[in-house]
Amino acid sequence: MTIAVEGEQRPLPPVIDEVAYRILQESLTNVLRHAGPAARATVRLSFEPAALGITVLDDGIGSNGDQPPGGSRGVAPRAGRAMG
């Protein structure tokens, strides 16, 4: 696994820290489940002024053999900011 951090890394509010942890946990579980045990994952954390961007990409081909490499992206909002 490769990890890249963009922006000025800073402590996160506890709620956002927990949400980010769960997003990464589920994303990496999905890489293992759908791309296979030989897949390599790349995680990018983007510290933005009002959000934390999370990108998880993999180099696997998926369970049916014809899927292109994929990934997932999400943004954890700043504490107090409405989701939606």
Protein backbone atom coordinates (compact mmCIF):
# COMPACT_ATOMS: atom_id res chain seq x y z
CA MET A 1 0.00 0.00 0.00
CA THR A 2 1.15 3.50 -0.84
CA ILE A 3 0.03 6.51 1.19
CA ALA A 4 0.25 10.12 -0.02
CA VAL A 5 -0.68 13.19 2.00
CA GLU A 6 -1.51 16.49 0.31
CA GLY A 7 -1.97 19.82 2.04
CA GLU A 8 -1.06 20.81 5.56
CA GLN A 9 -1.63 17.82 7.82
CA ARG A 10 -3.42 18.78 11.03
CA PRO A 11 -5.26 17.13 13.91
CA LEU A 12 -8.87 16.34 13.06
CA PRO A 13 -11.91 16.64 15.32
CA PRO A 14 -12.63 13.24 16.92
CA VAL A 15 -15.82 12.68 14.91
CA ILE A 16 -14.07 13.36 11.59
CA ASP A 17 -11.11 11.22 12.62
CA GLU A 18 -13.46 8.30 13.31
CA VAL A 19 -15.36 8.78 10.02
CA ALA A 20 -12.10 8.91 8.05
CA TYR A 21 -10.88 5.74 9.78
CA ARG A 22 -14.09 3.88 8.89
CA ILE A 23 -13.99 5.10 5.26
CA LEU A 24 -10.42 3.87 4.89
CA GLN A 25 -11.19 0.59 6.65
CA GLU A 26 -14.14 -0.17 4.36
CA SER A 27 -12.29 0.98 1.23
CA LEU A 28 -9.30 -1.25 1.92
CA THR A 29 -11.60 -4.17 2.76
CA ASN A 30 -13.29 -3.64 -0.62
CA VAL A 31 -9.92 -3.64 -2.39
CA LEU A 32 -9.10 -7.00 -0.83
CA ARG A 33 -12.59 -8.41 -1.47
CA HIS A 34 -13.06 -7.22 -5.06
CA ALA A 35 -9.59 -6.67 -6.51
CA GLY A 36 -7.98 -9.66 -4.85
CA PRO A 37 -5.15 -10.35 -2.44
CA ALA A 38 -2.44 -9.47 -4.99
CA ALA A 39 -3.86 -5.98 -5.63
CA ARG A 40 -1.94 -2.93 -4.50
CA ALA A 41 -3.81 0.02 -3.01
CA THR A 42 -2.95 3.69 -3.10
CA VAL A 43 -4.43 5.95 -0.42
CA ARG A 44 -4.39 9.73 -0.83
CA LEU A 45 -5.42 12.07 1.99
CA SER A 46 -6.03 15.66 0.91
CA PHE A 47 -6.17 18.15 3.76
CA GLU A 48 -8.33 20.97 2.43
CA PRO A 49 -9.37 24.12 4.33
CA ALA A 50 -12.88 22.84 5.14
CA ALA A 51 -12.62 19.10 4.46
CA LEU A 52 -10.49 15.99 4.33
CA GLY A 53 -10.48 14.34 0.90
CA ILE A 54 -9.91 10.59 0.83
CA THR A 55 -9.06 8.69 -2.36
CA VAL A 56 -8.41 4.94 -2.48
CA LEU A 57 -7.32 3.38 -5.78
CA ASP A 58 -6.34 -0.18 -6.60
CA ASP A 59 -4.62 -1.96 -9.48
CA GLY A 60 -6.78 -5.09 -9.35
CA ILE A 61 -8.95 -6.27 -12.22
CA GLY A 62 -12.07 -7.14 -10.25
CA SER A 63 -13.81 -10.41 -9.58
CA ASN A 64 -15.01 -11.14 -13.13
CA GLY A 65 -11.67 -10.50 -14.80
CA ASP A 66 -12.74 -7.69 -17.12
CA GLN A 67 -13.08 -4.74 -14.77
CA PRO A 68 -10.65 -1.83 -15.16
CA PRO A 69 -8.62 -0.73 -12.13
CA GLY A 70 -10.89 1.16 -9.81
CA GLY A 71 -11.22 2.91 -6.54
CA SER A 72 -13.41 5.09 -4.44
CA ARG A 73 -13.37 8.70 -3.38
CA GLY A 74 -14.98 10.48 -0.49
CA VAL A 75 -14.83 13.72 1.41
CA ALA A 76 -15.29 13.89 5.15
CA PRO A 77 -16.84 17.29 5.94
CA ARG A 78 -15.53 19.56 8.65
CA ALA A 79 -17.25 19.17 12.03
CA GLY A 80 -20.50 21.11 12.12
CA ARG A 81 -20.88 21.16 8.33
CA ALA A 82 -24.02 19.50 6.96
CA MET A 83 -23.57 16.37 4.90
CA GLY A 84 -25.54 15.97 1.72
